[in-house]
């Protein structure tokens, strides 16, 4: 049984390997719920309380809480893709299951880090922006581009910024270790998307060099806006081309403009 309906975060972590195993056995599309169950309050980010600085234990715990929420959605998005694309190449599905299980390990590290700072999961509200960026109508190429190249690619940029900010504070070493390990392993997750995006394009006789910008133009309206400066070094390691990085940089700059000035 896939664990979308389980609200308890520790149950989700505990059950993810079994859920991935069950999903790999699916021979037909599994209909996922509109949104997975949560044991924390879900609010639009504009209604979240102000954050304290990283120099305080609360600020550090809140940062890990925000990161845990991202890892939770990444884990469930991996499971969702397994459920909604049962006829994707077996090698893709097996690799995605491994990525999804590693996302669960990242989630575990974050929640344990929150506990070590004297706080707990659910002390702050969370959002569902990553989950809501995908659609049941996505093609496999859409899903790979949204989840593994846009959302997780943006996570590389944000993670690198977090590491640099933490190094300038009194944050305990374990917190820095958690963020650094997650950011390092996420390079592989994004590269997984980069490699499979091109492999699926080849299978479908699509030129990825022309498809990328066109597909992104079609999808961008429902993607969370990312304004974090791009980390070109990490993105190149994760399989992005110079042209793709340039596209994302132009998109970031466009997001910074007033709504009336943005590209149609």
C-alpha atoms as a PDB file:
ATOM      1  CA  UNK A   1       0.000   0.000   0.000  1.00  0.00           C
ATOM      2  CA  UNK A   2       1.486   3.376  -1.005  1.00  0.00           C
ATOM      3  CA  UNK A   3       1.874   5.672   2.008  1.00  0.00           C
ATOM      4  CA  UNK A   4       0.278   8.912   0.752  1.00  0.00           C
ATOM      5  CA  UNK A   5      -2.594   8.626   3.260  1.00  0.00           C
ATOM      6  CA  UNK A   6      -0.343   8.218   6.300  1.00  0.00           C
ATOM      7  CA  UNK A   7      -0.055  11.610   8.079  1.00  0.00           C
ATOM      8  CA  UNK A   8       2.642  10.723  10.626  1.00  0.00           C
ATOM      9  CA  UNK A   9       6.045  11.752   9.318  1.00  0.00           C
ATOM     10  CA  UNK A  10       7.901   8.910  11.033  1.00  0.00           C
ATOM     11  CA  UNK A  11       5.467   6.381   9.571  1.00  0.00           C
ATOM     12  CA  UNK A  12       6.113   7.864   6.136  1.00  0.00           C
ATOM     13  CA  UNK A  13       9.871   7.435   6.613  1.00  0.00           C
ATOM     14  CA  UNK A  14       9.452   3.917   8.001  1.00  0.00           C
ATOM     15  CA  UNK A  15       7.176   2.809   5.150  1.00  0.00           C
ATOM     16  CA  UNK A  16       8.960   4.361   2.168  1.00  0.00           C
ATOM     17  CA  UNK A  17      11.004   1.297   1.174  1.00  0.00           C
ATOM     18  CA  UNK A  18       7.899  -0.893   1.224  1.00  0.00           C
ATOM     19  CA  UNK A  19       5.942   1.773  -0.666  1.00  0.00           C
ATOM     20  CA  UNK A  20       8.622   1.982  -3.357  1.00  0.00           C
ATOM     21  CA  UNK A  21       8.683  -1.805  -3.606  1.00  0.00           C
ATOM     22  CA  UNK A  22       4.912  -1.889  -4.006  1.00  0.00           C
ATOM     23  CA  UNK A  23       5.037   0.891  -6.607  1.00  0.00           C
ATOM     24  CA  UNK A  24       7.661  -0.973  -8.643  1.00  0.00           C
ATOM     25  CA  UNK A  25       5.262  -3.917  -8.893  1.00  0.00           C
ATOM     26  CA  UNK A  26       2.425  -1.826 -10.333  1.00  0.00           C
ATOM     27  CA  UNK A  27       1.320  -2.885 -13.810  1.00  0.00           C
ATOM     28  CA  UNK A  28      -1.203  -0.070 -14.252  1.00  0.00           C
ATOM     29  CA  UNK A  29      -1.425   3.558 -13.204  1.00  0.00           C
ATOM     30  CA  UNK A  30      -2.155   4.119  -9.515  1.00  0.00           C
ATOM     31  CA  UNK A  31      -4.329   7.162  -8.784  1.00  0.00           C
ATOM     32  CA  UNK A  32      -2.722   9.264  -6.076  1.00  0.00           C
ATOM     33  CA  UNK A  33      -4.718  11.590  -3.792  1.00  0.00           C
ATOM     34  CA  UNK A  34      -4.987  15.280  -4.610  1.00  0.00           C
ATOM     35  CA  UNK A  35      -2.565  15.897  -1.759  1.00  0.00           C
ATOM     36  CA  UNK A  36      -0.827  13.509   0.656  1.00  0.00           C
ATOM     37  CA  UNK A  37      -1.804  13.546   4.325  1.00  0.00           C
ATOM     38  CA  UNK A  38       0.147  15.757   6.721  1.00  0.00           C
ATOM     39  CA  UNK A  39       0.623  15.934  10.501  1.00  0.00           C
ATOM     40  CA  UNK A  40       1.686  19.597  10.348  1.00  0.00           C
ATOM     41  CA  UNK A  41      -0.348  22.692   9.499  1.00  0.00           C
ATOM     42  CA  UNK A  42      -0.314  23.500   5.774  1.00  0.00           C
ATOM     43  CA  UNK A  43      -0.382  27.229   4.972  1.00  0.00           C
ATOM     44  CA  UNK A  44       0.593  29.371   2.009  1.00  0.00           C
ATOM     45  CA  UNK A  45       4.143  30.707   2.671  1.00  0.00           C
ATOM     46  CA  UNK A  46       2.899  34.296   2.915  1.00  0.00           C
ATOM     47  CA  UNK A  47       1.045  33.293   6.111  1.00  0.00           C
ATOM     48  CA  UNK A  48       4.072  31.655   7.754  1.00  0.00           C
ATOM     49  CA  UNK A  49       5.482  33.414  10.858  1.00  0.00           C
ATOM     50  CA  UNK A  50       8.729  35.437  10.565  1.00  0.00           C
ATOM     51  CA  UNK A  51      11.971  33.479  10.804  1.00  0.00           C
ATOM     52  CA  UNK A  52      14.689  34.036  13.376  1.00  0.00           C
ATOM     53  CA  UNK A  53      18.339  34.227  12.345  1.00  0.00           C
ATOM     54  CA  UNK A  54      20.690  31.272  12.083  1.00  0.00           C
ATOM     55  CA  UNK A  55      22.560  32.544  15.131  1.00  0.00           C
ATOM     56  CA  UNK A  56      19.724  31.189  17.307  1.00  0.00           C
ATOM     57  CA  UNK A  57      18.804  27.531  17.929  1.00  0.00           C
ATOM     58  CA  UNK A  58      15.232  28.346  16.885  1.00  0.00           C
ATOM     59  CA  UNK A  59      16.413  29.839  13.605  1.00  0.00           C
ATOM     60  CA  UNK A  60      18.544  26.777  12.933  1.00  0.00           C
ATOM     61  CA  UNK A  61      15.667  24.420  13.767  1.00  0.00           C
ATOM     62  CA  UNK A  62      13.301  26.404  11.555  1.00  0.00           C
ATOM     63  CA  UNK A  63      15.767  26.130   8.679  1.00  0.00           C
ATOM     64  CA  UNK A  64      15.923  22.341   9.139  1.00  0.00           C
ATOM     65  CA  UNK A  65      12.113  22.278   9.370  1.00  0.00           C
ATOM     66  CA  UNK A  66      11.827  24.083   6.028  1.00  0.00           C
ATOM     67  CA  UNK A  67      14.390  21.719   4.530  1.00  0.00           C
ATOM     68  CA  UNK A  68      12.548  18.700   5.956  1.00  0.00           C
ATOM     69  CA  UNK A  69       9.357  19.887   4.269  1.00  0.00           C
ATOM     70  CA  UNK A  70      11.166  20.054   0.931  1.00  0.00           C
ATOM     71  CA  UNK A  71      12.664  16.577   1.404  1.00  0.00           C
ATOM     72  CA  UNK A  72       9.246  15.201   2.383  1.00  0.00           C
ATOM     73  CA  UNK A  73       7.680  16.521  -0.803  1.00  0.00           C
ATOM     74  CA  UNK A  74      10.631  15.284  -2.878  1.00  0.00           C
ATOM     75  CA  UNK A  75      10.220  11.815  -1.376  1.00  0.00           C
ATOM     76  CA  UNK A  76       6.506  11.708  -2.113  1.00  0.00           C
ATOM     77  CA  UNK A  77       6.960  13.144  -5.606  1.00  0.00           C
ATOM     78  CA  UNK A  78       9.340  10.282  -6.355  1.00  0.00           C
ATOM     79  CA  UNK A  79       6.747   7.801  -5.135  1.00  0.00           C
ATOM     80  CA  UNK A  80       4.071   9.613  -7.139  1.00  0.00           C
ATOM     81  CA  UNK A  81       6.070   9.289 -10.357  1.00  0.00           C
ATOM     82  CA  UNK A  82       6.532   5.567  -9.715  1.00  0.00           C
ATOM     83  CA  UNK A  83       2.771   5.246  -9.209  1.00  0.00           C
ATOM     84  CA  UNK A  84       1.719   7.330 -12.201  1.00  0.00           C
ATOM     85  CA  UNK A  85       4.238   6.001 -14.742  1.00  0.00           C
ATOM     86  CA  UNK A  86       4.221   2.200 -14.315  1.00  0.00           C
ATOM     87  CA  UNK A  87       5.335   1.692 -17.924  1.00  0.00           C
ATOM     88  CA  UNK A  88       8.379   3.956 -17.759  1.00  0.00           C
ATOM     89  CA  UNK A  89      11.684   2.138 -18.427  1.00  0.00           C
ATOM     90  CA  UNK A  90      12.433  -0.322 -15.631  1.00  0.00           C
ATOM     91  CA  UNK A  91      15.949   1.058 -15.148  1.00  0.00           C
ATOM     92  CA  UNK A  92      14.496   4.552 -14.670  1.00  0.00           C
ATOM     93  CA  UNK A  93      11.975   3.259 -12.125  1.00  0.00           C
ATOM     94  CA  UNK A  94      14.568   1.318 -10.152  1.00  0.00           C
ATOM     95  CA  UNK A  95      16.920   4.299 -10.029  1.00  0.00           C
ATOM     96  CA  UNK A  96      14.046   6.582  -9.039  1.00  0.00           C
ATOM     97  CA  UNK A  97      13.132   4.231  -6.181  1.00  0.00           C
ATOM     98  CA  UNK A  98      16.708   4.512  -4.888  1.00  0.00           C
ATOM     99  CA  UNK A  99      16.589   8.322  -5.148  1.00  0.00           C
ATOM    100  CA  UNK A 100      13.247   8.355  -3.310  1.00  0.00           C
ATOM    101  CA  UNK A 101      14.594   6.228  -0.457  1.00  0.00           C
ATOM    102  CA  UNK A 102      17.578   8.571  -0.141  1.00  0.00           C
ATOM    103  CA  UNK A 103      15.189  11.543   0.056  1.00  0.00           C
ATOM    104  CA  UNK A 104      13.605   9.766   3.032  1.00  0.00           C
ATOM    105  CA  UNK A 105      17.027   9.508   4.664  1.00  0.00           C
ATOM    106  CA  UNK A 106      17.520  13.251   4.147  1.00  0.00           C
ATOM    107  CA  UNK A 107      14.132  13.820   5.769  1.00  0.00           C
ATOM    108  CA  UNK A 108      15.099  11.649   8.734  1.00  0.00           C
ATOM    109  CA  UNK A 109      18.356  13.595   9.212  1.00  0.00           C
ATOM    110  CA  UNK A 110      16.472  16.904   9.236  1.00  0.00           C
ATOM    111  CA  UNK A 111      13.823  15.775  11.719  1.00  0.00           C
ATOM    112  CA  UNK A 112      16.448  14.321  14.042  1.00  0.00           C
ATOM    113  CA  UNK A 113      18.377  17.595  13.773  1.00  0.00           C
ATOM    114  CA  UNK A 114      15.260  19.548  14.744  1.00  0.00           C
ATOM    115  CA  UNK A 115      14.775  17.294  17.782  1.00  0.00           C
ATOM    116  CA  UNK A 116      18.428  17.739  18.822  1.00  0.00           C
ATOM    117  CA  UNK A 117      17.899  21.510  18.925  1.00  0.00           C
ATOM    118  CA  UNK A 118      14.964  21.151  21.311  1.00  0.00           C
ATOM    119  CA  UNK A 119      12.145  21.589  18.801  1.00  0.00           C
ATOM    120  CA  UNK A 120       9.966  19.176  16.868  1.00  0.00           C
ATOM    121  CA  UNK A 121       8.434  18.598  13.470  1.00  0.00           C
ATOM    122  CA  UNK A 122       5.171  20.551  13.230  1.00  0.00           C
ATOM    123  CA  UNK A 123       6.306  23.465  15.401  1.00  0.00           C
ATOM    124  CA  UNK A 124       5.933  25.648  12.288  1.00  0.00           C
ATOM    125  CA  UNK A 125       3.533  25.521   9.333  1.00  0.00           C
ATOM    126  CA  UNK A 126       4.587  23.994   6.031  1.00  0.00           C
ATOM    127  CA  UNK A 127       3.658  24.476   2.371  1.00  0.00           C
ATOM    128  CA  UNK A 128       2.855  22.132  -0.537  1.00  0.00           C
ATOM    129  CA  UNK A 129       4.341  24.221  -3.368  1.00  0.00           C
ATOM    130  CA  UNK A 130       6.490  21.416  -4.790  1.00  0.00           C
ATOM    131  CA  UNK A 131       3.668  18.866  -4.826  1.00  0.00           C
ATOM    132  CA  UNK A 132       1.305  21.371  -6.442  1.00  0.00           C
ATOM    133  CA  UNK A 133       3.781  22.097  -9.245  1.00  0.00           C
ATOM    134  CA  UNK A 134       3.108  18.712 -10.862  1.00  0.00           C
ATOM    135  CA  UNK A 135      -0.062  17.436 -12.514  1.00  0.00           C
ATOM    136  CA  UNK A 136      -1.713  14.099 -13.209  1.00  0.00           C
ATOM    137  CA  UNK A 137      -1.644  15.185 -16.867  1.00  0.00           C
ATOM    138  CA  UNK A 138       2.162  15.487 -16.957  1.00  0.00           C
ATOM    139  CA  UNK A 139       4.108  13.485 -19.496  1.00  0.00           C
ATOM    140  CA  UNK A 140       7.141  11.642 -18.157  1.00  0.00           C
ATOM    141  CA  UNK A 141       9.395  14.303 -19.699  1.00  0.00           C
ATOM    142  CA  UNK A 142       7.327  17.020 -17.991  1.00  0.00           C
ATOM    143  CA  UNK A 143       7.674  15.287 -14.643  1.00  0.00           C
ATOM    144  CA  UNK A 144      11.421  14.775 -14.959  1.00  0.00           C
ATOM    145  CA  UNK A 145      11.924  18.393 -15.971  1.00  0.00           C
ATOM    146  CA  UNK A 146       9.734  19.791 -13.178  1.00  0.00           C
ATOM    147  CA  UNK A 147      10.880  17.630 -10.269  1.00  0.00           C
ATOM    148  CA  UNK A 148      14.456  16.628 -10.942  1.00  0.00           C
ATOM    149  CA  UNK A 149      15.727  19.500 -13.038  1.00  0.00           C
ATOM    150  CA  UNK A 150      13.750  22.566 -11.927  1.00  0.00           C
ATOM    151  CA  UNK A 151      12.741  21.934  -8.300  1.00  0.00           C
ATOM    152  CA  UNK A 152      15.759  19.891  -7.231  1.00  0.00           C
ATOM    153  CA  UNK A 153      18.063  21.991  -9.398  1.00  0.00           C
ATOM    154  CA  UNK A 154      16.859  25.075  -7.539  1.00  0.00           C
ATOM    155  CA  UNK A 155      17.550  23.187  -4.315  1.00  0.00           C
ATOM    156  CA  UNK A 156      21.224  22.977  -5.260  1.00  0.00           C
ATOM    157  CA  UNK A 157      21.397  26.755  -5.469  1.00  0.00           C
ATOM    158  CA  UNK A 158      19.559  27.244  -2.176  1.00  0.00           C
ATOM    159  CA  UNK A 159      21.582  24.542  -0.399  1.00  0.00           C
ATOM    160  CA  UNK A 160      24.882  26.148  -1.343  1.00  0.00           C
ATOM    161  CA  UNK A 161      23.629  29.490   0.018  1.00  0.00           C
ATOM    162  CA  UNK A 162      22.561  27.801   3.281  1.00  0.00           C
ATOM    163  CA  UNK A 163      25.995  26.248   3.710  1.00  0.00           C
ATOM    164  CA  UNK A 164      27.730  29.602   3.319  1.00  0.00           C
ATOM    165  CA  UNK A 165      25.319  31.298   5.729  1.00  0.00           C
ATOM    166  CA  UNK A 166      25.746  28.580   8.353  1.00  0.00           C
ATOM    167  CA  UNK A 167      29.535  28.804   8.172  1.00  0.00           C
ATOM    168  CA  UNK A 168      29.266  32.398   9.377  1.00  0.00           C
ATOM    169  CA  UNK A 169      27.257  31.499  12.490  1.00  0.00           C
ATOM    170  CA  UNK A 170      27.591  29.520  15.705  1.00  0.00           C
ATOM    171  CA  UNK A 171      25.507  26.663  14.288  1.00  0.00           C
ATOM    172  CA  UNK A 172      26.576  23.294  15.701  1.00  0.00           C
ATOM    173  CA  UNK A 173      28.748  21.137  13.472  1.00  0.00           C
ATOM    174  CA  UNK A 174      26.058  18.486  13.078  1.00  0.00           C
ATOM    175  CA  UNK A 175      23.709  20.998  11.452  1.00  0.00           C
ATOM    176  CA  UNK A 176      26.314  21.970   8.882  1.00  0.00           C
ATOM    177  CA  UNK A 177      27.048  18.280   8.273  1.00  0.00           C
ATOM    178  CA  UNK A 178      23.368  17.587   7.557  1.00  0.00           C
ATOM    179  CA  UNK A 179      23.039  20.428   5.066  1.00  0.00           C
ATOM    180  CA  UNK A 180      26.339  19.634   3.344  1.00  0.00           C
ATOM    181  CA  UNK A 181      25.525  15.929   2.983  1.00  0.00           C
ATOM    182  CA  UNK A 182      22.085  16.651   1.578  1.00  0.00           C
ATOM    183  CA  UNK A 183      23.412  19.208  -0.893  1.00  0.00           C
ATOM    184  CA  UNK A 184      26.181  16.855  -2.040  1.00  0.00           C
ATOM    185  CA  UNK A 185      23.805  13.925  -2.574  1.00  0.00           C
ATOM    186  CA  UNK A 186      21.257  16.124  -4.320  1.00  0.00           C
ATOM    187  CA  UNK A 187      23.796  16.650  -7.125  1.00  0.00           C
ATOM    188  CA  UNK A 188      23.281  12.977  -7.981  1.00  0.00           C
ATOM    189  CA  UNK A 189      19.495  13.333  -7.812  1.00  0.00           C
ATOM    190  CA  UNK A 190      19.552  16.227 -10.262  1.00  0.00           C
ATOM    191  CA  UNK A 191      22.012  14.414 -12.527  1.00  0.00           C
ATOM    192  CA  UNK A 192      19.618  11.457 -12.525  1.00  0.00           C
ATOM    193  CA  UNK A 193      17.024  13.811 -14.002  1.00  0.00           C
ATOM    194  CA  UNK A 194      19.485  15.303 -16.481  1.00  0.00           C
ATOM    195  CA  UNK A 195      20.568  11.918 -17.804  1.00  0.00           C
ATOM    196  CA  UNK A 196      17.056  10.491 -18.047  1.00  0.00           C
ATOM    197  CA  UNK A 197      15.639  13.635 -19.611  1.00  0.00           C
ATOM    198  CA  UNK A 198      18.041  13.128 -22.514  1.00  0.00           C
ATOM    199  CA  UNK A 199      17.547   9.365 -22.639  1.00  0.00           C
ATOM    200  CA  UNK A 200      13.753   9.674 -22.784  1.00  0.00           C
ATOM    201  CA  UNK A 201      14.082  12.382 -25.443  1.00  0.00           C
ATOM    202  CA  UNK A 202      16.240   9.996 -27.475  1.00  0.00           C
ATOM    203  CA  UNK A 203      13.700   7.181 -27.055  1.00  0.00           C
ATOM    204  CA  UNK A 204      10.924   9.493 -28.248  1.00  0.00           C
ATOM    205  CA  UNK A 205      13.085  10.911 -31.065  1.00  0.00           C
ATOM    206  CA  UNK A 206      13.012  14.421 -29.596  1.00  0.00           C
ATOM    207  CA  UNK A 207      15.911  16.859 -29.733  1.00  0.00           C
ATOM    208  CA  UNK A 208      16.559  17.848 -26.084  1.00  0.00           C
ATOM    209  CA  UNK A 209      18.381  21.002 -27.166  1.00  0.00           C
ATOM    210  CA  UNK A 210      15.203  22.418 -28.698  1.00  0.00           C
ATOM    211  CA  UNK A 211      12.702  20.668 -26.416  1.00  0.00           C
ATOM    212  CA  UNK A 212      14.095  22.059 -23.149  1.00  0.00           C
ATOM    213  CA  UNK A 213      13.263  25.746 -23.650  1.00  0.00           C
ATOM    214  CA  UNK A 214       9.927  25.011 -25.329  1.00  0.00           C
ATOM    215  CA  UNK A 215       8.832  22.641 -22.581  1.00  0.00           C
ATOM    216  CA  UNK A 216       9.969  25.018 -19.854  1.00  0.00           C
ATOM    217  CA  UNK A 217       8.054  27.878 -21.499  1.00  0.00           C
ATOM    218  CA  UNK A 218       4.911  25.726 -21.353  1.00  0.00           C
ATOM    219  CA  UNK A 219       5.448  24.620 -17.743  1.00  0.00           C
ATOM    220  CA  UNK A 220       6.787  27.769 -16.088  1.00  0.00           C
ATOM    221  CA  UNK A 221       3.371  29.241 -15.252  1.00  0.00           C
ATOM    222  CA  UNK A 222       2.794  26.608 -12.544  1.00  0.00           C
ATOM    223  CA  UNK A 223       6.304  26.400 -11.131  1.00  0.00           C
ATOM    224  CA  UNK A 224       7.332  28.023  -7.826  1.00  0.00           C
ATOM    225  CA  UNK A 225       9.323  31.184  -8.488  1.00  0.00           C
ATOM    226  CA  UNK A 226      13.008  30.796  -7.674  1.00  0.00           C
ATOM    227  CA  UNK A 227      15.143  33.911  -7.259  1.00  0.00           C
ATOM    228  CA  UNK A 228      18.209  32.312  -5.642  1.00  0.00           C
ATOM    229  CA  UNK A 229      21.401  33.026  -7.648  1.00  0.00           C
ATOM    230  CA  UNK A 230      22.337  30.000  -9.741  1.00  0.00           C
ATOM    231  CA  UNK A 231      25.332  27.909  -8.749  1.00  0.00           C
ATOM    232  CA  UNK A 232      26.826  27.186 -12.145  1.00  0.00           C
ATOM    233  CA  UNK A 233      29.522  24.834 -10.814  1.00  0.00           C
ATOM    234  CA  UNK A 234      27.022  22.548  -9.079  1.00  0.00           C
ATOM    235  CA  UNK A 235      24.605  22.647 -12.008  1.00  0.00           C
ATOM    236  CA  UNK A 236      27.317  21.628 -14.472  1.00  0.00           C
ATOM    237  CA  UNK A 237      28.185  18.709 -12.169  1.00  0.00           C
ATOM    238  CA  UNK A 238      24.489  17.788 -12.171  1.00  0.00           C
ATOM    239  CA  UNK A 239      24.314  17.531 -15.956  1.00  0.00           C
ATOM    240  CA  UNK A 240      23.052  20.940 -17.031  1.00  0.00           C
ATOM    241  CA  UNK A 241      24.358  22.412 -20.275  1.00  0.00           C
ATOM    242  CA  UNK A 242      25.558  25.985 -20.572  1.00  0.00           C
ATOM    243  CA  UNK A 243      22.440  26.784 -22.627  1.00  0.00           C
ATOM    244  CA  UNK A 244      20.115  25.331 -19.967  1.00  0.00           C
ATOM    245  CA  UNK A 245      21.841  27.307 -17.222  1.00  0.00           C
ATOM    246  CA  UNK A 246      21.487  30.462 -19.294  1.00  0.00           C
ATOM    247  CA  UNK A 247      17.764  29.748 -19.723  1.00  0.00           C
ATOM    248  CA  UNK A 248      17.285  29.360 -15.950  1.00  0.00           C
ATOM    249  CA  UNK A 249      19.269  32.515 -15.232  1.00  0.00           C
ATOM    250  CA  UNK A 250      17.059  34.479 -17.627  1.00  0.00           C
ATOM    251  CA  UNK A 251      13.990  32.930 -16.004  1.00  0.00           C
ATOM    252  CA  UNK A 252      15.254  33.931 -12.546  1.00  0.00           C
ATOM    253  CA  UNK A 253      15.810  37.490 -13.703  1.00  0.00           C
ATOM    254  CA  UNK A 254      12.341  37.523 -15.200  1.00  0.00           C
ATOM    255  CA  UNK A 255      10.849  36.389 -11.880  1.00  0.00           C
ATOM    256  CA  UNK A 256      12.531  39.388 -10.229  1.00  0.00           C
ATOM    257  CA  UNK A 257      10.644  41.826 -12.464  1.00  0.00           C
ATOM    258  CA  UNK A 258       7.250  43.311 -11.555  1.00  0.00           C
ATOM    259  CA  UNK A 259       4.419  41.097 -12.814  1.00  0.00           C
ATOM    260  CA  UNK A 260       3.495  43.608 -15.553  1.00  0.00           C
ATOM    261  CA  UNK A 261       7.007  43.411 -17.042  1.00  0.00           C
ATOM    262  CA  UNK A 262       7.427  39.634 -17.171  1.00  0.00           C
ATOM    263  CA  UNK A 263       7.592  37.590 -20.347  1.00  0.00           C
ATOM    264  CA  UNK A 264       4.248  36.349 -21.635  1.00  0.00           C
END
